[in-house]
Amino acid sequence: MGRADPASTALTEAAGPVISVRRRRLLGCACCSAAGVFLPPLARAAGEQVPAGPSAQGSAAAAAEDRRASASAPAAAPSRAEDWRARLLQGSRSLWLARGETQIRSTYWTPESGYDGDAYKEICWLLRDVQANKTFAMSPRLLDVLCGLQNWLAFNGVRQPILVNSGYRTFATNWNTEGSALNSRHVLGRAVDITVPGVTLARLAGMASVFGQGGVGMYLNKGFVHVDTGEERVWIK
């Protein structure tokens, strides 16, 4: 089986045509047009409302203002863009995940007690490498990205489990996965491939990109969205 060239995939999660742009440009990019949708900047990119955050129309301008003001603003003062993200993670943090016939609802963090070890292990088990039957310590930041994404969807009326296509992969499984990158974040426990019932790939990718501020890939041919906690980049395949 052919492997992706490491040099050409250094900043991507898959070999083949890649669109790599900063997050603020995702929402009007060619990949979204190819999916038959137009996603405007920031929160409107996914066509969603945000909870008590900046207005959708002014969010792009607000983000720019936040960046310009960051040098002079007090370190403890969150930007308006970060504020709405923080609101999506207020209180206890839970995940509703499904993989095959298995579903779990786990509260992995609470303000009172911090991380719940048993709940965290349960989530890591569901996100395991099923081919090798190996469990790995998944990135807590990745869990927060999924939690915030699920809460954002719920805020907009979508209450469905996140369907997991792939989570952690051993190096052997990754090597045998068609189209996988040699430097895949799956082997580090920092990536998942997901779908959500009733949510289009373009909508899910747009929301994940805006909230997660990491890597997002929309795989139209395979029917899932890749989400990771790496550097900001987006691609379509």
Protein backbone atom coordinates (compact mmCIF):
# COMPACT_ATOMS: atom_id res chain seq x y z
CA MET A 1 0.00 0.00 0.00
CA GLY A 2 1.44 3.41 -0.98
CA ARG A 3 2.41 5.81 1.77
CA ALA A 4 2.08 9.58 1.93
CA ASP A 5 5.32 11.50 1.33
CA PRO A 6 6.39 12.85 4.76
CA ALA A 7 7.65 16.07 3.22
CA SER A 8 4.36 16.82 1.53
CA THR A 9 2.32 15.91 4.59
CA ALA A 10 4.35 17.70 7.26
CA LEU A 11 1.52 20.10 8.07
CA THR A 12 -1.45 17.96 7.04
CA GLU A 13 -3.24 14.83 8.16
CA ALA A 14 -3.61 13.20 4.74
CA ALA A 15 -1.83 12.84 1.41
CA GLY A 16 -3.45 14.26 -1.70
CA PRO A 17 -4.93 17.67 -2.54
CA VAL A 18 -4.81 19.84 0.55
CA ILE A 19 -6.11 23.30 1.25
CA SER A 20 -4.11 24.79 4.13
CA VAL A 21 -5.28 28.20 5.36
CA ARG A 22 -5.60 30.10 8.60
CA ARG A 23 -8.80 29.48 10.55
CA ARG A 24 -10.24 32.92 9.89
CA ARG A 25 -10.29 32.12 6.17
CA LEU A 26 -11.83 28.66 6.46
CA LEU A 27 -15.32 29.95 6.20
CA GLY A 28 -15.09 31.32 2.71
CA CYS A 29 -12.58 28.85 1.33
CA ALA A 30 -12.77 26.74 -1.78
CA CYS A 31 -13.19 23.54 0.20
CA CYS A 32 -16.48 24.75 1.67
CA SER A 33 -17.66 25.84 -1.76
CA ALA A 34 -16.83 22.38 -3.06
CA ALA A 35 -19.11 20.98 -0.40
CA GLY A 36 -21.94 23.09 -1.77
CA VAL A 37 -22.08 25.54 1.12
CA PHE A 38 -20.80 28.98 2.01
CA LEU A 39 -19.53 29.45 5.53
CA PRO A 40 -18.93 33.12 6.51
CA PRO A 41 -16.31 34.18 9.09
CA LEU A 42 -16.15 32.84 12.65
CA ALA A 43 -19.36 31.68 14.33
CA ARG A 44 -21.52 32.34 11.25
CA ALA A 45 -19.12 30.09 9.40
CA ALA A 46 -21.02 27.15 10.76
CA GLY A 47 -24.36 28.92 10.63
CA GLU A 48 -24.65 28.72 14.40
CA GLN A 49 -25.44 31.01 17.28
CA VAL A 50 -23.01 31.26 20.15
CA PRO A 51 -24.10 31.47 23.80
CA ALA A 52 -24.00 35.03 25.12
CA GLY A 53 -20.89 35.76 23.12
CA PRO A 54 -20.07 38.38 20.48
CA SER A 55 -22.64 39.12 17.79
CA ALA A 56 -22.27 36.96 14.70
CA GLN A 57 -21.91 39.99 12.42
CA GLY A 58 -19.26 41.63 14.53
CA SER A 59 -17.34 38.50 15.49
CA ALA A 60 -14.70 38.79 12.77
CA ALA A 61 -14.07 42.45 13.57
CA ALA A 62 -14.06 41.67 17.28
CA ALA A 63 -11.47 38.95 16.76
CA ALA A 64 -9.26 41.40 14.88
CA GLU A 65 -9.68 43.97 17.64
CA ASP A 66 -8.80 41.35 20.24
CA ARG A 67 -5.59 40.52 18.43
CA ARG A 68 -4.63 44.22 18.15
CA ALA A 69 -5.41 44.82 21.80
CA SER A 70 -3.75 41.69 23.13
CA ALA A 71 -0.41 43.38 23.65
CA SER A 72 -1.83 46.07 25.94
CA ALA A 73 -4.70 44.16 27.56
CA PRO A 74 -4.21 42.64 31.04
CA ALA A 75 -3.14 39.01 30.85
CA ALA A 76 -6.11 37.90 32.93
CA ALA A 77 -8.70 39.56 30.69
CA PRO A 78 -10.07 37.07 28.10
CA SER A 79 -10.82 38.28 24.59
CA ARG A 80 -14.42 38.37 23.47
CA ALA A 81 -13.72 35.53 21.03
CA GLU A 82 -12.27 33.38 23.82
CA ASP A 83 -15.11 34.34 26.17
CA TRP A 84 -17.81 32.54 24.17
CA ARG A 85 -15.60 29.49 23.89
CA ALA A 86 -15.14 29.49 27.65
CA ARG A 87 -18.91 29.67 28.10
CA LEU A 88 -19.30 26.44 26.17
CA LEU A 89 -17.06 24.72 28.73
CA GLN A 90 -18.59 26.24 31.84
CA GLY A 91 -19.57 23.85 34.60
CA SER A 92 -19.15 20.10 34.34
CA ARG A 93 -17.69 18.70 31.12
CA SER A 94 -19.36 15.65 29.68
CA LEU A 95 -19.25 13.69 26.43
CA TRP A 96 -21.89 11.60 24.72
CA LEU A 97 -19.99 9.33 22.36
CA ALA A 98 -20.98 6.36 20.23
CA ARG A 99 -18.92 3.81 18.36
CA GLY A 100 -20.62 0.91 16.69
CA GLU A 101 -23.19 -0.47 19.11
CA THR A 102 -21.51 1.13 22.13
CA GLN A 103 -22.55 4.45 23.62
CA ILE A 104 -21.19 6.22 26.68
CA ARG A 105 -22.14 9.38 28.57
CA SER A 106 -19.29 10.40 30.81
CA THR A 107 -18.64 13.51 32.90
CA TYR A 108 -14.86 13.65 32.88
CA TRP A 109 -14.36 16.98 34.67
CA THR A 110 -16.22 19.02 37.29
CA PRO A 111 -15.38 22.40 38.84
CA GLU A 112 -15.48 20.85 42.30
CA SER A 113 -13.29 17.78 41.75
CA GLY A 114 -11.40 18.32 38.52
CA TYR A 115 -10.82 15.25 36.37
CA ASP A 116 -12.68 12.04 37.09
CA GLY A 117 -10.20 9.24 36.47
CA ASP A 118 -12.80 6.54 35.83
CA ALA A 119 -14.78 8.68 33.37
CA TYR A 120 -11.57 9.69 31.59
CA LYS A 121 -10.53 6.06 31.26
CA GLU A 122 -13.96 5.16 29.89
CA ILE A 123 -13.65 7.83 27.19
CA CYS A 124 -10.11 6.70 26.35
CA TRP A 125 -11.39 3.13 26.06
CA LEU A 126 -14.07 4.14 23.57
CA LEU A 127 -11.46 6.09 21.59
CA ARG A 128 -9.04 3.14 21.63
CA ASP A 129 -7.41 1.48 18.64
CA VAL A 130 -10.04 -1.20 18.06
CA GLN A 131 -7.89 -3.13 15.60
CA ALA A 132 -5.03 -3.52 18.05
CA ASN A 133 -7.32 -3.34 21.11
CA LYS A 134 -4.98 -0.79 22.66
CA THR A 135 -6.07 2.09 24.88
CA PHE A 136 -4.08 5.31 25.12
CA ALA A 137 -4.19 8.45 27.25
CA MET A 138 -6.11 10.84 25.01
CA SER A 139 -5.38 14.56 25.05
CA PRO A 140 -7.57 16.36 27.63
CA ARG A 141 -7.62 19.34 25.26
CA LEU A 142 -9.08 17.11 22.56
CA LEU A 143 -11.84 16.05 24.95
CA ASP A 144 -12.55 19.72 25.66
CA VAL A 145 -12.80 20.42 21.94
CA LEU A 146 -15.34 17.61 21.54
CA CYS A 147 -17.22 18.74 24.64
CA GLY A 148 -17.39 22.35 23.47
CA LEU A 149 -18.48 21.26 20.01
CA GLN A 150 -21.22 19.04 21.43
CA ASN A 151 -22.41 21.82 23.75
CA TRP A 152 -22.46 24.28 20.85
CA LEU A 153 -24.56 21.88 18.80
CA ALA A 154 -26.94 21.40 21.74
CA PHE A 155 -27.21 25.17 22.11
CA ASN A 156 -28.41 25.21 18.50
CA GLY A 157 -30.93 22.42 19.04
CA VAL A 158 -28.86 19.40 17.97
CA ARG A 159 -28.72 16.84 20.77
CA GLN A 160 -27.02 13.80 19.31
CA PRO A 161 -24.03 11.65 20.20
CA ILE A 162 -20.72 12.20 18.47
CA LEU A 163 -20.11 9.12 16.32
CA VAL A 164 -16.48 8.06 16.46
CA ASN A 165 -14.93 6.63 13.32
CA SER A 166 -11.35 6.60 14.60
CA GLY A 167 -9.51 7.77 17.68
CA TYR A 168 -6.14 6.56 18.90
CA ARG A 169 -4.09 4.44 16.50
CA THR A 170 -0.99 2.42 17.15
CA PHE A 171 1.85 2.98 14.70
CA ALA A 172 1.06 -0.38 13.10
CA THR A 173 -2.62 0.47 12.62
CA ASN A 174 -1.74 3.90 11.31
CA TRP A 175 0.72 2.41 8.84
CA ASN A 176 -1.99 0.12 7.50
CA THR A 177 -4.63 2.86 7.30
CA GLU A 178 -5.08 4.02 3.71
CA GLY A 179 -4.15 7.66 3.21
CA SER A 180 -2.86 8.18 6.74
CA ALA A 181 0.01 10.58 7.37
CA LEU A 182 3.22 9.27 8.88
CA ASN A 183 3.10 12.10 11.42
CA SER A 184 -0.57 11.49 12.22
CA ARG A 185 -1.78 12.93 15.51
CA HIS A 186 -3.90 9.82 15.93
CA VAL A 187 -0.80 7.98 17.18
CA LEU A 188 -0.36 10.66 19.86
CA GLY A 189 -3.93 10.50 21.11
CA ARG A 190 -4.60 13.99 19.79
CA ALA A 191 -7.02 13.34 16.94
CA VAL A 192 -10.42 11.84 16.19
CA ASP A 193 -12.49 11.24 13.08
CA ILE A 194 -16.15 11.94 13.76
CA THR A 195 -19.67 12.57 12.46
CA VAL A 196 -22.86 13.74 14.16
CA PRO A 197 -26.30 12.46 13.05
CA GLY A 198 -28.25 15.13 11.19
CA VAL A 199 -25.25 17.46 10.84
CA THR A 200 -23.62 17.91 7.45
CA LEU A 201 -19.87 17.45 7.18
CA ALA A 202 -19.45 21.08 6.12
CA ARG A 203 -21.38 22.36 9.12
CA LEU A 204 -19.52 20.08 11.52
CA ALA A 205 -16.13 21.00 10.05
CA GLY A 206 -16.93 24.70 10.21
CA MET A 207 -17.95 24.52 13.85
CA ALA A 208 -14.98 22.35 14.82
CA SER A 209 -12.61 24.72 13.07
CA VAL A 210 -14.01 27.83 14.72
CA PHE A 211 -14.20 26.35 18.21
CA GLY A 212 -11.21 24.03 18.28
CA GLN A 213 -8.57 26.25 16.67
CA GLY A 214 -6.59 23.17 15.63
CA GLY A 215 -6.54 20.93 12.59
CA VAL A 216 -9.77 20.08 10.76
CA GLY A 217 -10.09 17.90 7.68
CA MET A 218 -13.32 17.27 5.78
CA TYR A 219 -13.25 13.87 4.07
CA LEU A 220 -16.11 13.97 1.59
CA ASN A 221 -15.17 10.62 0.07
CA LYS A 222 -15.14 8.82 3.41
CA GLY A 223 -17.90 10.73 5.15
CA PHE A 224 -16.24 12.06 8.30
CA VAL A 225 -14.52 15.10 9.79
CA HIS A 226 -11.04 14.86 11.26
CA VAL A 227 -10.40 17.01 14.36
CA ASP A 228 -7.04 17.38 16.10
CA THR A 229 -5.24 19.67 18.53
CA GLY A 230 -2.32 20.52 16.27
CA GLU A 231 -1.56 23.82 14.55
CA GLU A 232 -4.35 25.70 12.80
CA ARG A 233 -5.00 24.28 9.36
CA VAL A 234 -7.89 22.96 7.31
CA TRP A 235 -8.12 20.66 4.32
CA ILE A 236 -10.59 18.74 2.22
CA LYS A 237 -10.28 15.42 0.45
